[in-house]
Amino acid sequence: MYCPYCGEPDTRVIDSRVVDEGSGVRRRRECTNCHRRFTTYERKEHQPLVVIKKDGKRELFDRNKVLSGMLKACEKRSVPTETLESAAGEIEKELTEEGQEEIPSSRIGEKVMEKLKKIDQVAYVRFASVYREFREVDQFLEVLKSLNIGQNQKEKGGSSNE
């Protein structure tokens, strides 16, 4: 590994740690010439995931797009960004582990909805309304029924007609 400061080809590893749940290694290195330290990362190389969009176009999977959609759904909600970043990473990992090189965008949307349903139900409904292109109030009601919202109100002594 060449030193990024002086270009010396001889550097030594002074510390190694496993990162990203075992899928990578972080190494602290020191240059034998200028004695400056720097960090390198080793990660397993994956085949790039290709997303098949609704219109048939293909593009590379972008974890940041998944995160962006989740952030929009959680806007003005008390959901930590770290939670969403972790969920986006889990989605990417799950898709990679499925072993398919091409994934329909609908599969990604369903995975995002699964994660949001566990994280924040309001964000889940927001995301579902955009993702499933709701046009009628009945569509919202169906999603709310799937969350058992009305059932929870009855248990608390409320009425589902409120």
C-alpha atoms as a PDB file:
ATOM      1  CA  MET A   1       0.000   0.000   0.000  1.00  0.00           C
ATOM      2  CA  TYR A   2       1.486   3.312  -1.074  1.00  0.00           C
ATOM      3  CA  CYS A   3       1.582   6.181   1.418  1.00  0.00           C
ATOM      4  CA  PRO A   4      -0.910   8.861   0.283  1.00  0.00           C
ATOM      5  CA  TYR A   5       1.414  11.581   1.627  1.00  0.00           C
ATOM      6  CA  CYS A   6       4.880  10.745   0.300  1.00  0.00           C
ATOM      7  CA  GLY A   7       4.236   7.850  -2.106  1.00  0.00           C
ATOM      8  CA  GLU A   8       6.454   5.399  -0.219  1.00  0.00           C
ATOM      9  CA  PRO A   9       5.501   1.830  -1.200  1.00  0.00           C
ATOM     10  CA  ASP A  10       6.480   0.441   2.216  1.00  0.00           C
ATOM     11  CA  THR A  11       3.808   0.922   4.887  1.00  0.00           C
ATOM     12  CA  ARG A  12       2.967  -1.220   7.879  1.00  0.00           C
ATOM     13  CA  VAL A  13      -0.343  -2.150   9.460  1.00  0.00           C
ATOM     14  CA  ILE A  14      -0.579  -1.039  13.096  1.00  0.00           C
ATOM     15  CA  ASP A  15      -4.233  -1.957  13.763  1.00  0.00           C
ATOM     16  CA  SER A  16      -6.972  -3.986  12.007  1.00  0.00           C
ATOM     17  CA  ARG A  17     -10.667  -4.133  12.857  1.00  0.00           C
ATOM     18  CA  VAL A  18     -13.639  -5.894  11.329  1.00  0.00           C
ATOM     19  CA  VAL A  19     -16.348  -3.460  10.144  1.00  0.00           C
ATOM     20  CA  ASP A  20     -19.792  -3.587   8.500  1.00  0.00           C
ATOM     21  CA  GLU A  21     -20.858  -6.755  10.318  1.00  0.00           C
ATOM     22  CA  GLY A  22     -17.875  -8.711   9.046  1.00  0.00           C
ATOM     23  CA  SER A  23     -18.039  -7.643   5.417  1.00  0.00           C
ATOM     24  CA  GLY A  24     -15.009  -5.372   5.634  1.00  0.00           C
ATOM     25  CA  VAL A  25     -11.742  -4.642   7.402  1.00  0.00           C
ATOM     26  CA  ARG A  26     -10.478  -1.252   8.576  1.00  0.00           C
ATOM     27  CA  ARG A  27      -6.694  -0.966   8.784  1.00  0.00           C
ATOM     28  CA  ARG A  28      -4.605   1.775  10.396  1.00  0.00           C
ATOM     29  CA  ARG A  29      -1.296   2.048   8.602  1.00  0.00           C
ATOM     30  CA  GLU A  30       1.933   3.935   9.164  1.00  0.00           C
ATOM     31  CA  CYS A  31       4.422   4.962   6.506  1.00  0.00           C
ATOM     32  CA  THR A  32       7.960   3.727   7.190  1.00  0.00           C
ATOM     33  CA  ASN A  33       9.367   6.804   5.450  1.00  0.00           C
ATOM     34  CA  CYS A  34       7.394   9.860   6.689  1.00  0.00           C
ATOM     35  CA  HIS A  35       5.791   8.123   9.715  1.00  0.00           C
ATOM     36  CA  ARG A  36       2.364   9.576   8.957  1.00  0.00           C
ATOM     37  CA  ARG A  37      -0.676   7.421   9.625  1.00  0.00           C
ATOM     38  CA  PHE A  38      -3.686   6.759   7.420  1.00  0.00           C
ATOM     39  CA  THR A  39      -6.659   4.434   7.255  1.00  0.00           C
ATOM     40  CA  THR A  40      -7.589   1.954   4.539  1.00  0.00           C
ATOM     41  CA  TYR A  41     -10.684  -0.197   4.117  1.00  0.00           C
ATOM     42  CA  GLU A  42     -11.021  -3.583   2.483  1.00  0.00           C
ATOM     43  CA  ARG A  43     -14.463  -4.720   1.394  1.00  0.00           C
ATOM     44  CA  LYS A  44     -15.684  -7.727  -0.496  1.00  0.00           C
ATOM     45  CA  GLU A  45     -16.427  -6.763  -4.072  1.00  0.00           C
ATOM     46  CA  HIS A  46     -20.015  -7.406  -5.087  1.00  0.00           C
ATOM     47  CA  GLN A  47     -21.549  -7.637  -8.492  1.00  0.00           C
ATOM     48  CA  PRO A  48     -23.394  -4.371  -8.945  1.00  0.00           C
ATOM     49  CA  LEU A  49     -27.145  -4.613  -8.431  1.00  0.00           C
ATOM     50  CA  VAL A  50     -29.171  -3.415 -11.389  1.00  0.00           C
ATOM     51  CA  VAL A  51     -32.648  -2.018 -10.761  1.00  0.00           C
ATOM     52  CA  ILE A  52     -35.346  -2.605 -13.366  1.00  0.00           C
ATOM     53  CA  LYS A  53     -37.617   0.439 -13.263  1.00  0.00           C
ATOM     54  CA  LYS A  54     -41.384   0.382 -13.977  1.00  0.00           C
ATOM     55  CA  ASP A  55     -40.778   1.676 -17.502  1.00  0.00           C
ATOM     56  CA  GLY A  56     -38.253  -1.107 -18.196  1.00  0.00           C
ATOM     57  CA  LYS A  57     -35.155   1.077 -17.954  1.00  0.00           C
ATOM     58  CA  ARG A  58     -32.225  -0.236 -15.978  1.00  0.00           C
ATOM     59  CA  GLU A  59     -29.964   1.652 -13.594  1.00  0.00           C
ATOM     60  CA  LEU A  60     -27.463   0.774 -10.903  1.00  0.00           C
ATOM     61  CA  PHE A  61     -28.816   0.336  -7.393  1.00  0.00           C
ATOM     62  CA  ASP A  62     -28.234   3.469  -5.344  1.00  0.00           C
ATOM     63  CA  ARG A  63     -28.450   3.053  -1.573  1.00  0.00           C
ATOM     64  CA  ASN A  64     -28.692   6.832  -1.238  1.00  0.00           C
ATOM     65  CA  LYS A  65     -31.937   6.842  -3.247  1.00  0.00           C
ATOM     66  CA  VAL A  66     -33.419   4.318  -0.820  1.00  0.00           C
ATOM     67  CA  LEU A  67     -32.260   6.412   2.130  1.00  0.00           C
ATOM     68  CA  SER A  68     -33.609   9.596   0.536  1.00  0.00           C
ATOM     69  CA  GLY A  69     -37.069   8.056   0.127  1.00  0.00           C
ATOM     70  CA  MET A  70     -37.052   6.894   3.728  1.00  0.00           C
ATOM     71  CA  LEU A  71     -35.925  10.325   4.943  1.00  0.00           C
ATOM     72  CA  LYS A  72     -38.781  11.995   3.049  1.00  0.00           C
ATOM     73  CA  ALA A  73     -41.294   9.577   4.571  1.00  0.00           C
ATOM     74  CA  CYS A  74     -39.901  10.291   8.050  1.00  0.00           C
ATOM     75  CA  GLU A  75     -39.824  14.068   7.627  1.00  0.00           C
ATOM     76  CA  LYS A  76     -40.873  15.831  10.865  1.00  0.00           C
ATOM     77  CA  ARG A  77     -40.907  12.478  12.682  1.00  0.00           C
ATOM     78  CA  SER A  78     -38.584  11.622  15.555  1.00  0.00           C
ATOM     79  CA  VAL A  79     -36.732   8.879  13.701  1.00  0.00           C
ATOM     80  CA  PRO A  80     -32.938   9.012  14.032  1.00  0.00           C
ATOM     81  CA  THR A  81     -31.066   9.207  10.732  1.00  0.00           C
ATOM     82  CA  GLU A  82     -28.823   6.381  11.962  1.00  0.00           C
ATOM     83  CA  THR A  83     -31.881   4.105  12.154  1.00  0.00           C
ATOM     84  CA  LEU A  84     -32.750   4.853   8.542  1.00  0.00           C
ATOM     85  CA  GLU A  85     -29.144   4.467   7.394  1.00  0.00           C
ATOM     86  CA  SER A  86     -29.029   1.087   9.090  1.00  0.00           C
ATOM     87  CA  ALA A  87     -32.316   0.054   7.461  1.00  0.00           C
ATOM     88  CA  ALA A  88     -31.059   1.136   4.018  1.00  0.00           C
ATOM     89  CA  GLY A  89     -27.897  -0.911   4.593  1.00  0.00           C
ATOM     90  CA  GLU A  90     -29.979  -3.925   5.615  1.00  0.00           C
ATOM     91  CA  ILE A  91     -32.071  -3.600   2.452  1.00  0.00           C
ATOM     92  CA  GLU A  92     -28.955  -3.470   0.283  1.00  0.00           C
ATOM     93  CA  LYS A  93     -27.473  -6.459   2.113  1.00  0.00           C
ATOM     94  CA  GLU A  94     -30.689  -8.490   1.798  1.00  0.00           C
ATOM     95  CA  LEU A  95     -30.939  -7.748  -1.920  1.00  0.00           C
ATOM     96  CA  THR A  96     -27.294  -8.687  -2.466  1.00  0.00           C
ATOM     97  CA  GLU A  97     -27.720 -11.936  -0.539  1.00  0.00           C
ATOM     98  CA  GLU A  98     -30.658 -12.914  -2.749  1.00  0.00           C
ATOM     99  CA  GLY A  99     -28.045 -13.451  -5.445  1.00  0.00           C
ATOM    100  CA  GLN A 100     -29.904 -11.803  -8.303  1.00  0.00           C
ATOM    101  CA  GLU A 101     -28.061  -9.258 -10.394  1.00  0.00           C
ATOM    102  CA  GLU A 102     -31.261  -7.543 -11.584  1.00  0.00           C
ATOM    103  CA  ILE A 103     -33.993  -6.513  -9.179  1.00  0.00           C
ATOM    104  CA  PRO A 104     -37.362  -4.960 -10.008  1.00  0.00           C
ATOM    105  CA  SER A 105     -37.859  -1.575  -8.337  1.00  0.00           C
ATOM    106  CA  SER A 106     -41.078  -2.973  -6.856  1.00  0.00           C
ATOM    107  CA  ARG A 107     -39.013  -5.422  -4.778  1.00  0.00           C
ATOM    108  CA  ILE A 108     -37.012  -2.541  -3.325  1.00  0.00           C
ATOM    109  CA  GLY A 109     -40.194  -0.579  -2.563  1.00  0.00           C
ATOM    110  CA  GLU A 110     -41.693  -3.551  -0.721  1.00  0.00           C
ATOM    111  CA  LYS A 111     -38.534  -3.954   1.357  1.00  0.00           C
ATOM    112  CA  VAL A 112     -38.582  -0.239   2.248  1.00  0.00           C
ATOM    113  CA  MET A 113     -42.214  -0.551   3.335  1.00  0.00           C
ATOM    114  CA  GLU A 114     -41.381  -3.602   5.498  1.00  0.00           C
ATOM    115  CA  LYS A 115     -38.647  -1.632   7.289  1.00  0.00           C
ATOM    116  CA  LEU A 116     -40.716   1.538   7.711  1.00  0.00           C
ATOM    117  CA  LYS A 117     -43.652  -0.431   9.086  1.00  0.00           C
ATOM    118  CA  LYS A 118     -41.398  -1.536  11.957  1.00  0.00           C
ATOM    119  CA  ILE A 119     -39.711   1.854  12.402  1.00  0.00           C
ATOM    120  CA  ASP A 120     -42.590   4.354  12.203  1.00  0.00           C
ATOM    121  CA  GLN A 121     -46.174   3.683  11.139  1.00  0.00           C
ATOM    122  CA  VAL A 122     -46.835   7.254   9.971  1.00  0.00           C
ATOM    123  CA  ALA A 123     -43.756   7.126   7.747  1.00  0.00           C
ATOM    124  CA  TYR A 124     -44.944   3.735   6.488  1.00  0.00           C
ATOM    125  CA  VAL A 125     -48.324   5.186   5.450  1.00  0.00           C
ATOM    126  CA  ARG A 126     -46.641   8.203   3.826  1.00  0.00           C
ATOM    127  CA  PHE A 127     -44.278   6.020   1.842  1.00  0.00           C
ATOM    128  CA  ALA A 128     -47.047   3.586   0.866  1.00  0.00           C
ATOM    129  CA  SER A 129     -49.242   6.435  -0.382  1.00  0.00           C
ATOM    130  CA  VAL A 130     -46.550   7.635  -2.773  1.00  0.00           C
ATOM    131  CA  TYR A 131     -45.159   4.217  -3.684  1.00  0.00           C
ATOM    132  CA  ARG A 132     -48.558   2.699  -4.415  1.00  0.00           C
ATOM    133  CA  GLU A 133     -49.829   5.943  -5.964  1.00  0.00           C
ATOM    134  CA  PHE A 134     -52.955   6.287  -3.824  1.00  0.00           C
ATOM    135  CA  ARG A 135     -55.762   8.155  -5.567  1.00  0.00           C
ATOM    136  CA  GLU A 136     -58.666   7.452  -3.188  1.00  0.00           C
ATOM    137  CA  VAL A 137     -59.198   7.755   0.571  1.00  0.00           C
ATOM    138  CA  ASP A 138     -60.215   4.088   0.625  1.00  0.00           C
ATOM    139  CA  GLN A 139     -56.650   3.149  -0.256  1.00  0.00           C
ATOM    140  CA  PHE A 140     -55.405   4.947   2.869  1.00  0.00           C
ATOM    141  CA  LEU A 141     -58.031   3.205   4.961  1.00  0.00           C
ATOM    142  CA  GLU A 142     -56.893  -0.201   3.704  1.00  0.00           C
ATOM    143  CA  VAL A 143     -53.314   0.526   4.778  1.00  0.00           C
ATOM    144  CA  LEU A 144     -54.497   1.780   8.150  1.00  0.00           C
ATOM    145  CA  LYS A 145     -56.580  -1.373   8.613  1.00  0.00           C
ATOM    146  CA  SER A 146     -53.486  -3.463   7.893  1.00  0.00           C
ATOM    147  CA  LEU A 147     -51.809  -1.687  10.815  1.00  0.00           C
ATOM    148  CA  ASN A 148     -54.809  -2.431  13.086  1.00  0.00           C
ATOM    149  CA  ILE A 149     -55.129   1.286  13.911  1.00  0.00           C
ATOM    150  CA  GLY A 150     -58.871   1.055  14.525  1.00  0.00           C
ATOM    151  CA  GLN A 151     -58.346  -1.976  16.761  1.00  0.00           C
ATOM    152  CA  ASN A 152     -55.832  -0.084  18.890  1.00  0.00           C
ATOM    153  CA  GLN A 153     -58.277   2.828  19.355  1.00  0.00           C
ATOM    154  CA  LYS A 154     -61.037   0.465  20.547  1.00  0.00           C
ATOM    155  CA  GLU A 155     -58.652  -1.124  23.051  1.00  0.00           C
ATOM    156  CA  LYS A 156     -57.837   2.338  24.434  1.00  0.00           C
ATOM    157  CA  GLY A 157     -61.534   3.104  24.876  1.00  0.00           C
ATOM    158  CA  GLY A 158     -61.841   5.217  21.740  1.00  0.00           C
ATOM    159  CA  SER A 159     -64.262   4.874  18.885  1.00  0.00           C
ATOM    160  CA  SER A 160     -63.257   4.093  15.342  1.00  0.00           C
ATOM    161  CA  ASN A 161     -65.797   6.738  14.204  1.00  0.00           C
ATOM    162  CA  GLU A 162     -63.796   9.613  15.691  1.00  0.00           C
END
